C-alpha cells in the first residue's frame, strides 16, 4: 500500500494530516511555515490525491484508516490534524501513545455530530448534505462554493487561488470513497479517547465554525481539562487560509517558536 507524502525541512518530526475531501495541498501553508524548524511529512490520506490506490473496502472506521497510515509514519512525531485529520491523529495518540509527542487539532472535535449534551453538527451529519450538494453541483462547483463561503468578507488572495488551483483535478475524485469517508466521520466518537490521552493537546478552533461548532467547546474542555483550547474570533473552518496571520501566531506560540 503506497501512501503519498511530501517531506520538507529538517529536525524533529511533524506529521500533517488533512481534512476529508481534500489532500496534502490543503496543508501546504502549514508545511511551509513549519519546515523552517522541523522535518514536516505532509500526507495524502488513503483514497485521496496521490494515495488514491491506498484505499480498500476494509476501511470502515477512523481506527481502520489510522492503522493504514502507521507503516508510513515516523516512529515519533508532533501530529497536526485538520478536521478529519484531527480524528486520525487522536486515534493514533490514544492507541499508540509512544508515537505521538503532541497532538494539535485544527478545527477538529473528538465527535463532530450532535448527541445528548453534545451540541455539535446537527444530525444526520455531513454525508447527506455532501451527497445532495455533489449531485446538484458536481464536485468542482461544490467545493468552489464552499471555499467562497469560507472567504466571505475576506480578501481572496494567493491562498484562495491555491485552493481553487487544487480543484483542477476535482473530476478525478472517487465519489464512493468520498462519501464513505464522510460516513466514517459522521459515526466517529473519540470522546473517551480524548479524555484519556496523555500527550499534550492543543485545539485551534474558531468562533464561527459550522463544521466544529463553538456551542460544544465547553463540553470538549470538560472532557479533558488539561487540553488547551485556542479559539480564534475570526475565520471559520479554514483559518490557516482565510486568516493566516492570526492562525500562525497561535500555532507558533503552541510550538514555542514565538
C-alpha atoms as a PDB file:
ATOM      1  CA  UNK A   1       0.000   0.000   0.000  1.00  0.00           C
ATOM      2  CA  UNK A   2       1.590   3.230  -1.155  1.00  0.00           C
ATOM      3  CA  UNK A   3       0.889   6.461   0.690  1.00  0.00           C
ATOM      4  CA  UNK A   4       1.975   9.723  -0.865  1.00  0.00           C
ATOM      5  CA  UNK A   5       3.838  12.152   1.344  1.00  0.00           C
ATOM      6  CA  UNK A   6       5.768  15.342   0.782  1.00  0.00           C
ATOM      7  CA  UNK A   7       8.704  15.789   3.154  1.00  0.00           C
ATOM      8  CA  UNK A   8      10.337  19.165   3.729  1.00  0.00           C
ATOM      9  CA  UNK A   9      12.733  20.593   6.291  1.00  0.00           C
ATOM     10  CA  UNK A  10      14.989  19.027   8.903  1.00  0.00           C
ATOM     11  CA  UNK A  11      14.800  18.322  12.616  1.00  0.00           C
ATOM     12  CA  UNK A  12      12.098  16.902  14.860  1.00  0.00           C
ATOM     13  CA  UNK A  13       9.284  15.140  13.003  1.00  0.00           C
ATOM     14  CA  UNK A  14       5.949  16.822  12.390  1.00  0.00           C
ATOM     15  CA  UNK A  15       3.105  14.912  10.716  1.00  0.00           C
ATOM     16  CA  UNK A  16       0.368  16.817   8.857  1.00  0.00           C
ATOM     17  CA  UNK A  17      -2.977  15.106   8.186  1.00  0.00           C
ATOM     18  CA  UNK A  18      -5.522  16.936   6.056  1.00  0.00           C
ATOM     19  CA  UNK A  19      -9.308  17.100   6.233  1.00  0.00           C
ATOM     20  CA  UNK A  20     -11.588  14.800   4.260  1.00  0.00           C
ATOM     21  CA  UNK A  21     -12.429  15.760   0.693  1.00  0.00           C
ATOM     22  CA  UNK A  22      -9.017  17.432   0.456  1.00  0.00           C
ATOM     23  CA  UNK A  23      -5.389  16.366   0.045  1.00  0.00           C
ATOM     24  CA  UNK A  24      -1.891  17.347   1.154  1.00  0.00           C
ATOM     25  CA  UNK A  25      -2.040  20.566  -0.869  1.00  0.00           C
ATOM     26  CA  UNK A  26      -4.529  21.968   1.627  1.00  0.00           C
ATOM     27  CA  UNK A  27      -1.889  21.649   4.350  1.00  0.00           C
ATOM     28  CA  UNK A  28       0.936  23.245   2.367  1.00  0.00           C
ATOM     29  CA  UNK A  29       0.682  26.673   4.058  1.00  0.00           C
ATOM     30  CA  UNK A  30       1.350  24.969   7.393  1.00  0.00           C
ATOM     31  CA  UNK A  31       4.102  22.802   5.899  1.00  0.00           C
ATOM     32  CA  UNK A  32       5.850  25.878   4.520  1.00  0.00           C
ATOM     33  CA  UNK A  33       5.595  27.650   7.863  1.00  0.00           C
ATOM     34  CA  UNK A  34       6.967  24.773   9.926  1.00  0.00           C
ATOM     35  CA  UNK A  35       9.592  23.344   7.568  1.00  0.00           C
ATOM     36  CA  UNK A  36      11.892  26.149   8.686  1.00  0.00           C
ATOM     37  CA  UNK A  37      12.021  24.456  12.089  1.00  0.00           C
ATOM     38  CA  UNK A  38      11.013  20.793  11.630  1.00  0.00           C
ATOM     39  CA  UNK A  39      11.076  17.814   9.312  1.00  0.00           C
ATOM     40  CA  UNK A  40       7.500  18.005   8.056  1.00  0.00           C
ATOM     41  CA  UNK A  41       5.773  15.000   6.495  1.00  0.00           C
ATOM     42  CA  UNK A  42       2.588  16.052   4.701  1.00  0.00           C
ATOM     43  CA  UNK A  43       0.426  13.058   3.696  1.00  0.00           C
ATOM     44  CA  UNK A  44      -2.369  12.257   1.308  1.00  0.00           C
ATOM     45  CA  UNK A  45      -4.854  10.094   3.195  1.00  0.00           C
ATOM     46  CA  UNK A  46      -5.978   6.745   1.741  1.00  0.00           C
ATOM     47  CA  UNK A  47      -8.328   7.349  -1.165  1.00  0.00           C
ATOM     48  CA  UNK A  48      -7.164  10.925  -1.681  1.00  0.00           C
ATOM     49  CA  UNK A  49      -4.681  12.546  -4.079  1.00  0.00           C
ATOM     50  CA  UNK A  50      -1.533  10.537  -4.570  1.00  0.00           C
ATOM     51  CA  UNK A  51      -2.790   7.894  -2.126  1.00  0.00           C
ATOM     52  CA  UNK A  52      -5.936   7.104  -4.114  1.00  0.00           C
ATOM     53  CA  UNK A  53      -4.825   3.482  -4.571  1.00  0.00           C
ATOM     54  CA  UNK A  54      -4.278   3.038  -0.830  1.00  0.00           C
ATOM     55  CA  UNK A  55      -7.995   2.858  -0.102  1.00  0.00           C
ATOM     56  CA  UNK A  56      -9.528  -0.577   0.464  1.00  0.00           C
ATOM     57  CA  UNK A  57     -13.006  -1.726   1.367  1.00  0.00           C
ATOM     58  CA  UNK A  58     -11.966  -2.939   4.828  1.00  0.00           C
ATOM     59  CA  UNK A  59     -11.689   0.680   5.975  1.00  0.00           C
ATOM     60  CA  UNK A  60     -14.864   1.126   7.996  1.00  0.00           C
ATOM     61  CA  UNK A  61     -13.824   3.289  10.931  1.00  0.00           C
ATOM     62  CA  UNK A  62     -11.451   6.062  11.914  1.00  0.00           C
ATOM     63  CA  UNK A  63      -9.206   3.479  13.613  1.00  0.00           C
ATOM     64  CA  UNK A  64      -9.094   1.410  10.419  1.00  0.00           C
ATOM     65  CA  UNK A  65      -7.898   4.373   8.414  1.00  0.00           C
ATOM     66  CA  UNK A  66      -5.379   5.396  11.068  1.00  0.00           C
ATOM     67  CA  UNK A  67      -3.932   1.881  11.014  1.00  0.00           C
ATOM     68  CA  UNK A  68      -3.486   2.148   7.234  1.00  0.00           C
ATOM     69  CA  UNK A  69      -1.178   5.084   7.851  1.00  0.00           C
ATOM     70  CA  UNK A  70       1.008   3.545  10.556  1.00  0.00           C
ATOM     71  CA  UNK A  71       3.579   1.860   8.339  1.00  0.00           C
ATOM     72  CA  UNK A  72       4.386   5.171   6.644  1.00  0.00           C
ATOM     73  CA  UNK A  73       4.502   7.362   9.752  1.00  0.00           C
ATOM     74  CA  UNK A  74       7.582   8.345  11.798  1.00  0.00           C
ATOM     75  CA  UNK A  75       8.197   6.420  14.993  1.00  0.00           C
ATOM     76  CA  UNK A  76       7.563   9.600  16.959  1.00  0.00           C
ATOM     77  CA  UNK A  77       6.251  12.995  15.905  1.00  0.00           C
ATOM     78  CA  UNK A  78       4.164  16.039  16.674  1.00  0.00           C
ATOM     79  CA  UNK A  79       0.812  15.461  14.958  1.00  0.00           C
ATOM     80  CA  UNK A  80      -1.140  18.331  13.424  1.00  0.00           C
ATOM     81  CA  UNK A  81      -4.511  17.273  12.102  1.00  0.00           C
ATOM     82  CA  UNK A  82      -7.077  19.498  10.439  1.00  0.00           C
ATOM     83  CA  UNK A  83     -10.745  18.480  10.819  1.00  0.00           C
ATOM     84  CA  UNK A  84     -10.950  14.768   9.831  1.00  0.00           C
ATOM     85  CA  UNK A  85      -7.150  14.617  10.132  1.00  0.00           C
ATOM     86  CA  UNK A  86      -7.567  15.555  13.774  1.00  0.00           C
ATOM     87  CA  UNK A  87      -9.700  12.461  14.358  1.00  0.00           C
ATOM     88  CA  UNK A  88      -6.966  10.326  12.793  1.00  0.00           C
ATOM     89  CA  UNK A  89      -4.302  11.981  14.955  1.00  0.00           C
ATOM     90  CA  UNK A  90      -6.381  11.390  18.074  1.00  0.00           C
ATOM     91  CA  UNK A  91      -6.940   7.749  17.142  1.00  0.00           C
ATOM     92  CA  UNK A  92      -3.189   7.222  16.819  1.00  0.00           C
ATOM     93  CA  UNK A  93      -2.399   9.145  20.014  1.00  0.00           C
ATOM     94  CA  UNK A  94      -4.863   7.099  22.060  1.00  0.00           C
ATOM     95  CA  UNK A  95      -3.769   3.673  20.808  1.00  0.00           C
ATOM     96  CA  UNK A  96      -0.067   4.237  20.084  1.00  0.00           C
ATOM     97  CA  UNK A  97       0.932   6.871  22.645  1.00  0.00           C
ATOM     98  CA  UNK A  98       4.650   6.280  22.134  1.00  0.00           C
ATOM     99  CA  UNK A  99       4.306   7.607  18.587  1.00  0.00           C
ATOM    100  CA  UNK A 100       2.659  10.944  19.371  1.00  0.00           C
ATOM    101  CA  UNK A 101       4.679  13.578  21.208  1.00  0.00           C
ATOM    102  CA  UNK A 102       1.965  16.205  20.937  1.00  0.00           C
ATOM    103  CA  UNK A 103      -1.433  16.469  19.281  1.00  0.00           C
ATOM    104  CA  UNK A 104      -2.562  19.744  17.705  1.00  0.00           C
ATOM    105  CA  UNK A 105      -6.046  19.700  16.253  1.00  0.00           C
ATOM    106  CA  UNK A 106      -7.223  22.401  13.859  1.00  0.00           C
ATOM    107  CA  UNK A 107     -10.988  22.905  13.721  1.00  0.00           C
ATOM    108  CA  UNK A 108     -11.342  19.338  14.923  1.00  0.00           C
ATOM    109  CA  UNK A 109     -13.526  17.673  17.548  1.00  0.00           C
ATOM    110  CA  UNK A 110     -13.443  14.197  19.124  1.00  0.00           C
ATOM    111  CA  UNK A 111     -17.019  13.822  17.866  1.00  0.00           C
ATOM    112  CA  UNK A 112     -18.387  16.046  15.112  1.00  0.00           C
ATOM    113  CA  UNK A 113     -22.078  15.104  15.178  1.00  0.00           C
ATOM    114  CA  UNK A 114     -24.546  16.084  17.886  1.00  0.00           C
ATOM    115  CA  UNK A 115     -25.874  13.748  20.551  1.00  0.00           C
ATOM    116  CA  UNK A 116     -27.154  14.160  24.108  1.00  0.00           C
ATOM    117  CA  UNK A 117     -25.317  17.026  25.834  1.00  0.00           C
ATOM    118  CA  UNK A 118     -23.072  17.373  22.803  1.00  0.00           C
ATOM    119  CA  UNK A 119     -24.339  20.296  20.670  1.00  0.00           C
ATOM    120  CA  UNK A 120     -22.185  19.765  17.609  1.00  0.00           C
ATOM    121  CA  UNK A 121     -23.118  19.454  13.911  1.00  0.00           C
ATOM    122  CA  UNK A 122     -26.833  18.732  13.517  1.00  0.00           C
ATOM    123  CA  UNK A 123     -27.894  15.227  12.542  1.00  0.00           C
ATOM    124  CA  UNK A 124     -27.820  13.495  10.143  1.00  0.00           C
ATOM    125  CA  UNK A 125     -24.279  14.884   9.789  1.00  0.00           C
ATOM    126  CA  UNK A 126     -22.042  15.547   6.793  1.00  0.00           C
ATOM    127  CA  UNK A 127     -22.903  12.690   4.433  1.00  0.00           C
ATOM    128  CA  UNK A 128     -26.437  13.724   3.451  1.00  0.00           C
ATOM    129  CA  UNK A 129     -25.588  17.343   2.524  1.00  0.00           C
ATOM    130  CA  UNK A 130     -22.398  16.206   0.796  1.00  0.00           C
ATOM    131  CA  UNK A 131     -24.335  13.698  -1.291  1.00  0.00           C
ATOM    132  CA  UNK A 132     -27.062  16.191  -2.185  1.00  0.00           C
ATOM    133  CA  UNK A 133     -24.624  19.006  -2.950  1.00  0.00           C
ATOM    134  CA  UNK A 134     -22.408  16.853  -5.129  1.00  0.00           C
ATOM    135  CA  UNK A 135     -25.408  15.544  -7.066  1.00  0.00           C
ATOM    136  CA  UNK A 136     -26.712  19.058  -7.655  1.00  0.00           C
ATOM    137  CA  UNK A 137     -23.483  20.907  -8.412  1.00  0.00           C
ATOM    138  CA  UNK A 138     -20.774  18.407  -9.226  1.00  0.00           C
ATOM    139  CA  UNK A 139     -17.518  18.092  -7.308  1.00  0.00           C
ATOM    140  CA  UNK A 140     -15.715  21.186  -8.561  1.00  0.00           C
ATOM    141  CA  UNK A 141     -18.584  23.638  -8.042  1.00  0.00           C
ATOM    142  CA  UNK A 142     -19.491  22.090  -4.682  1.00  0.00           C
ATOM    143  CA  UNK A 143     -16.036  22.777  -3.283  1.00  0.00           C
ATOM    144  CA  UNK A 144     -15.723  26.115  -5.093  1.00  0.00           C
ATOM    145  CA  UNK A 145     -18.891  27.300  -3.330  1.00  0.00           C
ATOM    146  CA  UNK A 146     -17.514  26.023  -0.027  1.00  0.00           C
ATOM    147  CA  UNK A 147     -14.280  27.968  -0.444  1.00  0.00           C
ATOM    148  CA  UNK A 148     -16.231  31.087  -1.385  1.00  0.00           C
ATOM    149  CA  UNK A 149     -18.273  30.738   1.800  1.00  0.00           C
ATOM    150  CA  UNK A 150     -15.089  30.415   3.858  1.00  0.00           C
ATOM    151  CA  UNK A 151     -13.644  33.552   2.247  1.00  0.00           C
ATOM    152  CA  UNK A 152     -16.826  35.601   2.601  1.00  0.00           C
ATOM    153  CA  UNK A 153     -15.779  39.076   3.743  1.00  0.00           C
ATOM    154  CA  UNK A 154     -12.091  38.171   3.328  1.00  0.00           C
ATOM    155  CA  UNK A 155      -9.744  39.273   0.543  1.00  0.00           C
ATOM    156  CA  UNK A 156      -9.287  36.470  -1.999  1.00  0.00           C
ATOM    157  CA  UNK A 157      -5.520  36.438  -2.221  1.00  0.00           C
ATOM    158  CA  UNK A 158      -2.896  33.912  -3.306  1.00  0.00           C
ATOM    159  CA  UNK A 159      -4.043  31.431  -0.660  1.00  0.00           C
ATOM    160  CA  UNK A 160      -7.537  31.449  -2.134  1.00  0.00           C
ATOM    161  CA  UNK A 161      -6.009  30.883  -5.572  1.00  0.00           C
ATOM    162  CA  UNK A 162      -4.087  27.929  -4.122  1.00  0.00           C
ATOM    163  CA  UNK A 163      -7.354  26.316  -3.015  1.00  0.00           C
ATOM    164  CA  UNK A 164      -9.005  26.913  -6.366  1.00  0.00           C
ATOM    165  CA  UNK A 165      -5.990  25.527  -8.227  1.00  0.00           C
ATOM    166  CA  UNK A 166      -6.344  22.323  -6.175  1.00  0.00           C
ATOM    167  CA  UNK A 167      -9.728  21.803  -7.856  1.00  0.00           C
ATOM    168  CA  UNK A 168      -8.149  21.279 -11.274  1.00  0.00           C
ATOM    169  CA  UNK A 169      -8.345  17.506 -10.847  1.00  0.00           C
ATOM    170  CA  UNK A 170     -11.638  17.510  -8.913  1.00  0.00           C
ATOM    171  CA  UNK A 171     -13.345  15.419 -11.590  1.00  0.00           C
ATOM    172  CA  UNK A 172     -10.992  12.547 -10.732  1.00  0.00           C
ATOM    173  CA  UNK A 173     -12.300  12.270  -7.167  1.00  0.00           C
ATOM    174  CA  UNK A 174     -13.916   8.900  -6.440  1.00  0.00           C
ATOM    175  CA  UNK A 175     -17.347   9.862  -5.092  1.00  0.00           C
ATOM    176  CA  UNK A 176     -17.965   6.479  -3.460  1.00  0.00           C
ATOM    177  CA  UNK A 177     -14.780   6.798  -1.417  1.00  0.00           C
ATOM    178  CA  UNK A 178     -15.537  10.447  -0.651  1.00  0.00           C
ATOM    179  CA  UNK A 179     -18.926   9.539   0.802  1.00  0.00           C
ATOM    180  CA  UNK A 180     -17.553   6.516   2.677  1.00  0.00           C
ATOM    181  CA  UNK A 181     -15.147   8.921   4.363  1.00  0.00           C
ATOM    182  CA  UNK A 182     -17.923  11.293   5.390  1.00  0.00           C
ATOM    183  CA  UNK A 183     -19.832   8.331   6.829  1.00  0.00           C
ATOM    184  CA  UNK A 184     -16.768   7.413   8.888  1.00  0.00           C
ATOM    185  CA  UNK A 185     -16.584  10.986  10.140  1.00  0.00           C
ATOM    186  CA  UNK A 186     -20.298  11.016  10.990  1.00  0.00           C
ATOM    187  CA  UNK A 187     -20.011   7.839  13.061  1.00  0.00           C
ATOM    188  CA  UNK A 188     -16.688   8.589  14.798  1.00  0.00           C
ATOM    189  CA  UNK A 189     -16.864   9.119  18.546  1.00  0.00           C
ATOM    190  CA  UNK A 190     -13.463   9.519  20.223  1.00  0.00           C
ATOM    191  CA  UNK A 191     -14.662  11.393  23.304  1.00  0.00           C
ATOM    192  CA  UNK A 192     -13.473   8.644  25.650  1.00  0.00           C
ATOM    193  CA  UNK A 193     -10.090   8.607  23.930  1.00  0.00           C
ATOM    194  CA  UNK A 194      -9.830  12.404  24.082  1.00  0.00           C
ATOM    195  CA  UNK A 195     -10.444  12.344  27.812  1.00  0.00           C
ATOM    196  CA  UNK A 196      -7.613   9.899  28.497  1.00  0.00           C
ATOM    197  CA  UNK A 197      -4.837  10.848  26.024  1.00  0.00           C
ATOM    198  CA  UNK A 198      -1.589  11.505  27.894  1.00  0.00           C
ATOM    199  CA  UNK A 199       0.245  13.712  25.414  1.00  0.00           C
ATOM    200  CA  UNK A 200      -0.183  17.499  25.378  1.00  0.00           C
ATOM    201  CA  UNK A 201      -3.275  18.561  23.423  1.00  0.00           C
ATOM    202  CA  UNK A 202      -3.917  21.905  21.758  1.00  0.00           C
ATOM    203  CA  UNK A 203      -7.007  22.637  19.700  1.00  0.00           C
ATOM    204  CA  UNK A 204      -7.029  25.689  17.444  1.00  0.00           C
ATOM    205  CA  UNK A 205     -10.696  26.492  16.892  1.00  0.00           C
ATOM    206  CA  UNK A 206     -12.775  29.380  15.617  1.00  0.00           C
ATOM    207  CA  UNK A 207     -15.892  31.057  16.992  1.00  0.00           C
ATOM    208  CA  UNK A 208     -17.721  30.809  13.645  1.00  0.00           C
ATOM    209  CA  UNK A 209     -17.027  27.255  12.522  1.00  0.00           C
ATOM    210  CA  UNK A 210     -20.131  25.467  11.186  1.00  0.00           C
ATOM    211  CA  UNK A 211     -18.292  22.127  10.992  1.00  0.00           C
ATOM    212  CA  UNK A 212     -16.835  22.245  14.516  1.00  0.00           C
ATOM    213  CA  UNK A 213     -19.384  24.481  16.291  1.00  0.00           C
ATOM    214  CA  UNK A 214     -18.403  26.709  19.202  1.00  0.00           C
ATOM    215  CA  UNK A 215     -21.502  25.558  21.116  1.00  0.00           C
ATOM    216  CA  UNK A 216     -19.692  22.329  22.016  1.00  0.00           C
ATOM    217  CA  UNK A 217     -16.354  23.796  23.110  1.00  0.00           C
ATOM    218  CA  UNK A 218     -17.236  23.808  26.808  1.00  0.00           C
ATOM    219  CA  UNK A 219     -18.061  20.109  26.614  1.00  0.00           C
ATOM    220  CA  UNK A 220     -14.779  19.453  24.825  1.00  0.00           C
ATOM    221  CA  UNK A 221     -12.879  21.247  27.581  1.00  0.00           C
ATOM    222  CA  UNK A 222     -14.775  19.326  30.276  1.00  0.00           C
ATOM    223  CA  UNK A 223     -13.722  16.016  28.698  1.00  0.00           C
ATOM    224  CA  UNK A 224     -10.058  16.862  29.193  1.00  0.00           C
ATOM    225  CA  UNK A 225      -9.311  19.862  31.411  1.00  0.00           C
ATOM    226  CA  UNK A 226      -5.602  19.627  30.518  1.00  0.00           C
ATOM    227  CA  UNK A 227      -6.295  20.318  26.830  1.00  0.00           C
ATOM    228  CA  UNK A 228      -5.577  23.850  25.647  1.00  0.00           C
ATOM    229  CA  UNK A 229      -8.350  25.360  23.529  1.00  0.00           C
ATOM    230  CA  UNK A 230      -7.354  28.389  21.458  1.00  0.00           C
ATOM    231  CA  UNK A 231     -10.478  29.981  19.984  1.00  0.00           C
ATOM    232  CA  UNK A 232      -9.953  32.480  17.181  1.00  0.00           C
ATOM    233  CA  UNK A 233     -12.548  35.239  16.889  1.00  0.00           C
ATOM    234  CA  UNK A 234     -12.119  35.259  13.113  1.00  0.00           C
ATOM    235  CA  UNK A 235     -12.315  32.583  10.453  1.00  0.00           C
ATOM    236  CA  UNK A 236     -14.453  29.502  10.033  1.00  0.00           C
ATOM    237  CA  UNK A 237     -13.186  26.012   9.102  1.00  0.00           C
ATOM    238  CA  UNK A 238     -10.131  27.117   7.095  1.00  0.00           C
ATOM    239  CA  UNK A 239      -8.482  29.735   9.327  1.00  0.00           C
ATOM    240  CA  UNK A 240      -4.965  28.973   8.091  1.00  0.00           C
ATOM    241  CA  UNK A 241      -6.127  30.090   4.635  1.00  0.00           C
ATOM    242  CA  UNK A 242      -8.505  32.921   5.484  1.00  0.00           C
ATOM    243  CA  UNK A 243      -6.682  34.410   8.481  1.00  0.00           C
ATOM    244  CA  UNK A 244      -3.093  33.135   8.295  1.00  0.00           C
ATOM    245  CA  UNK A 245      -1.561  35.878  10.450  1.00  0.00           C
ATOM    246  CA  UNK A 246      -3.786  35.166  13.437  1.00  0.00           C
ATOM    247  CA  UNK A 247      -3.585  31.401  12.940  1.00  0.00           C
ATOM    248  CA  UNK A 248       0.183  31.285  12.523  1.00  0.00           C
ATOM    249  CA  UNK A 249       0.714  33.321  15.686  1.00  0.00           C
ATOM    250  CA  UNK A 250      -1.237  30.740  17.696  1.00  0.00           C
ATOM    251  CA  UNK A 251       0.429  27.725  16.097  1.00  0.00           C
ATOM    252  CA  UNK A 252       3.954  29.116  16.530  1.00  0.00           C
ATOM    253  CA  UNK A 253       3.181  30.005  20.130  1.00  0.00           C
ATOM    254  CA  UNK A 254       1.896  26.487  20.845  1.00  0.00           C
ATOM    255  CA  UNK A 255       5.160  25.094  19.441  1.00  0.00           C
ATOM    256  CA  UNK A 256       7.232  27.605  21.456  1.00  0.00           C
ATOM    257  CA  UNK A 257       8.510  29.234  18.284  1.00  0.00           C
ATOM    258  CA  UNK A 258       7.417  32.703  19.374  1.00  0.00           C
END
